[in-house]
């Protein structure tokens, strides 16, 4: 957990996604690591969760400042 200059709680984390999807008649395994960030009360709640537990997240993708990578901004989450 960190705090912004304005004192807002912020949490940087990495989400791991794994699933299977049918594509062109074949089953494909999908794996991805996604950089993510949460702010405020969401960051405080998320910091109390167990690492490695399964969750569903809602939010949006953005490129920070002059960054070259996407970051998922978590706005809500619930147990999977």
C-alpha atoms as a PDB file:
ATOM      1  CA  UNK A   1       0.000   0.000   0.000  1.00  0.00           C
ATOM      2  CA  UNK A   2       1.195   3.468  -0.821  1.00  0.00           C
ATOM      3  CA  UNK A   3      -0.377   6.900  -0.606  1.00  0.00           C
ATOM      4  CA  UNK A   4      -0.669   9.557  -3.291  1.00  0.00           C
ATOM      5  CA  UNK A   5       0.611  13.084  -2.535  1.00  0.00           C
ATOM      6  CA  UNK A   6      -3.008  13.951  -1.688  1.00  0.00           C
ATOM      7  CA  UNK A   7      -3.072  11.128   0.895  1.00  0.00           C
ATOM      8  CA  UNK A   8      -5.268   8.753  -1.127  1.00  0.00           C
ATOM      9  CA  UNK A   9      -4.499   5.036  -0.564  1.00  0.00           C
ATOM     10  CA  UNK A  10      -3.184   3.338  -3.711  1.00  0.00           C
ATOM     11  CA  UNK A  11      -2.242  -0.259  -4.412  1.00  0.00           C
ATOM     12  CA  UNK A  12      -0.201  -1.413  -7.417  1.00  0.00           C
ATOM     13  CA  UNK A  13      -0.556  -5.094  -8.210  1.00  0.00           C
ATOM     14  CA  UNK A  14      -0.397  -7.704 -10.933  1.00  0.00           C
ATOM     15  CA  UNK A  15      -3.395  -9.836 -11.873  1.00  0.00           C
ATOM     16  CA  UNK A  16      -3.029 -13.305 -13.351  1.00  0.00           C
ATOM     17  CA  UNK A  17      -5.717 -14.517 -15.734  1.00  0.00           C
ATOM     18  CA  UNK A  18      -6.217 -18.107 -16.918  1.00  0.00           C
ATOM     19  CA  UNK A  19      -9.111 -19.448 -18.972  1.00  0.00           C
ATOM     20  CA  UNK A  20     -10.069 -21.636 -21.930  1.00  0.00           C
ATOM     21  CA  UNK A  21     -11.894 -20.440 -25.021  1.00  0.00           C
ATOM     22  CA  UNK A  22     -13.033 -22.092 -28.247  1.00  0.00           C
ATOM     23  CA  UNK A  23     -11.400 -20.489 -31.271  1.00  0.00           C
ATOM     24  CA  UNK A  24     -11.809 -21.801 -34.828  1.00  0.00           C
ATOM     25  CA  UNK A  25     -13.050 -25.146 -33.520  1.00  0.00           C
ATOM     26  CA  UNK A  26     -10.089 -25.610 -31.171  1.00  0.00           C
ATOM     27  CA  UNK A  27      -9.863 -25.178 -27.410  1.00  0.00           C
ATOM     28  CA  UNK A  28      -7.275 -22.560 -26.570  1.00  0.00           C
ATOM     29  CA  UNK A  29      -5.755 -21.933 -23.160  1.00  0.00           C
ATOM     30  CA  UNK A  30      -5.382 -18.234 -22.405  1.00  0.00           C
ATOM     31  CA  UNK A  31      -2.949 -16.910 -19.804  1.00  0.00           C
ATOM     32  CA  UNK A  32      -2.082 -13.285 -19.146  1.00  0.00           C
ATOM     33  CA  UNK A  33      -0.429 -11.106 -16.519  1.00  0.00           C
ATOM     34  CA  UNK A  34      -1.932  -7.632 -16.221  1.00  0.00           C
ATOM     35  CA  UNK A  35      -0.595  -4.634 -14.316  1.00  0.00           C
ATOM     36  CA  UNK A  36      -3.329  -3.116 -12.170  1.00  0.00           C
ATOM     37  CA  UNK A  37      -3.924  -0.309  -9.684  1.00  0.00           C
ATOM     38  CA  UNK A  38      -6.649   0.448  -7.144  1.00  0.00           C
ATOM     39  CA  UNK A  39      -7.322   3.667  -5.219  1.00  0.00           C
ATOM     40  CA  UNK A  40      -9.194   4.714  -2.089  1.00  0.00           C
ATOM     41  CA  UNK A  41     -11.482   2.306  -0.257  1.00  0.00           C
ATOM     42  CA  UNK A  42     -11.111  -0.288  -3.038  1.00  0.00           C
ATOM     43  CA  UNK A  43      -7.314  -0.325  -2.483  1.00  0.00           C
ATOM     44  CA  UNK A  44      -7.767  -0.720   1.280  1.00  0.00           C
ATOM     45  CA  UNK A  45     -10.212  -3.635   0.855  1.00  0.00           C
ATOM     46  CA  UNK A  46      -8.039  -5.303  -1.785  1.00  0.00           C
ATOM     47  CA  UNK A  47      -4.919  -5.065   0.393  1.00  0.00           C
ATOM     48  CA  UNK A  48      -6.667  -7.246   3.015  1.00  0.00           C
ATOM     49  CA  UNK A  49      -7.347 -10.130   0.580  1.00  0.00           C
ATOM     50  CA  UNK A  50      -5.244 -13.273   0.353  1.00  0.00           C
ATOM     51  CA  UNK A  51      -2.648 -13.365  -2.419  1.00  0.00           C
ATOM     52  CA  UNK A  52      -3.563 -16.043  -4.949  1.00  0.00           C
ATOM     53  CA  UNK A  53      -7.298 -15.996  -4.237  1.00  0.00           C
ATOM     54  CA  UNK A  54      -9.818 -15.824  -7.110  1.00  0.00           C
ATOM     55  CA  UNK A  55     -11.740 -12.610  -7.800  1.00  0.00           C
ATOM     56  CA  UNK A  56     -13.798 -10.911 -10.484  1.00  0.00           C
ATOM     57  CA  UNK A  57     -12.745  -7.328 -11.202  1.00  0.00           C
ATOM     58  CA  UNK A  58     -14.481  -4.397 -12.905  1.00  0.00           C
ATOM     59  CA  UNK A  59     -12.727  -1.274 -14.061  1.00  0.00           C
ATOM     60  CA  UNK A  60     -11.068   0.267 -17.092  1.00  0.00           C
ATOM     61  CA  UNK A  61      -7.814   0.133 -19.081  1.00  0.00           C
ATOM     62  CA  UNK A  62      -5.601   3.198 -19.433  1.00  0.00           C
ATOM     63  CA  UNK A  63      -2.072   4.105 -20.481  1.00  0.00           C
ATOM     64  CA  UNK A  64      -0.496   6.115 -17.640  1.00  0.00           C
ATOM     65  CA  UNK A  65       1.079   9.461 -18.559  1.00  0.00           C
ATOM     66  CA  UNK A  66       3.718   8.803 -21.205  1.00  0.00           C
ATOM     67  CA  UNK A  67       3.708   5.071 -20.474  1.00  0.00           C
ATOM     68  CA  UNK A  68       3.854   2.417 -23.149  1.00  0.00           C
ATOM     69  CA  UNK A  69       1.844  -0.275 -21.356  1.00  0.00           C
ATOM     70  CA  UNK A  70      -1.781  -0.651 -20.289  1.00  0.00           C
ATOM     71  CA  UNK A  71      -2.818  -0.593 -16.638  1.00  0.00           C
ATOM     72  CA  UNK A  72      -6.146  -1.977 -15.430  1.00  0.00           C
ATOM     73  CA  UNK A  73      -7.766   0.447 -12.950  1.00  0.00           C
ATOM     74  CA  UNK A  74      -9.827  -1.623 -10.502  1.00  0.00           C
ATOM     75  CA  UNK A  75     -13.091   0.045  -9.492  1.00  0.00           C
ATOM     76  CA  UNK A  76     -14.933  -2.951  -8.031  1.00  0.00           C
ATOM     77  CA  UNK A  77     -14.153  -6.550  -7.131  1.00  0.00           C
ATOM     78  CA  UNK A  78     -15.965  -9.560  -5.701  1.00  0.00           C
ATOM     79  CA  UNK A  79     -15.114 -13.142  -4.779  1.00  0.00           C
ATOM     80  CA  UNK A  80     -15.191 -15.525  -7.737  1.00  0.00           C
END
